[in-house]
């Protein structure tokens, strides 16, 4: 009986830590997308990540995502909200899937977050838009 209780507690904890930091970033991204500020939407998710800034050409990536966000808004309509689909944690890395709800349809973004054990800070190290097949495979019942 104790083993079942421990397992259930661990299962709840794995879903409870759905990255308040990444949720705040995605909320800001959705707010910018509502206002058609596509480059600001990218900035909200990038969140001054030292990893991204040191390892990729941020200006090129920002331009690419601004175009992608603009195309998604044209097809799906403006965002009306978002919800957390699920979170997986591997050590200090966390992957959270977010369903971005829009006027015509919904799309999924995954945010990868690093929880730095030394500085106790969280920052996003990667994010990507996920296709429907992958979203159902990772977050469906």
Foldseek 3Di string as FASTA:
>chain_A
DVVVVVVVVVVVVQFVPQPPQQVQLCVQLLVCQLVLNLLVSVCSQQVPDPQPVVPDDVVVVSVVRSVVSVVCCVVFNRFPDKDWLGWDDDPQKIKTKMWGHHPHGIWIKIWIWGQDPPVRDIGTNDMDTDDPVVCCVVRND
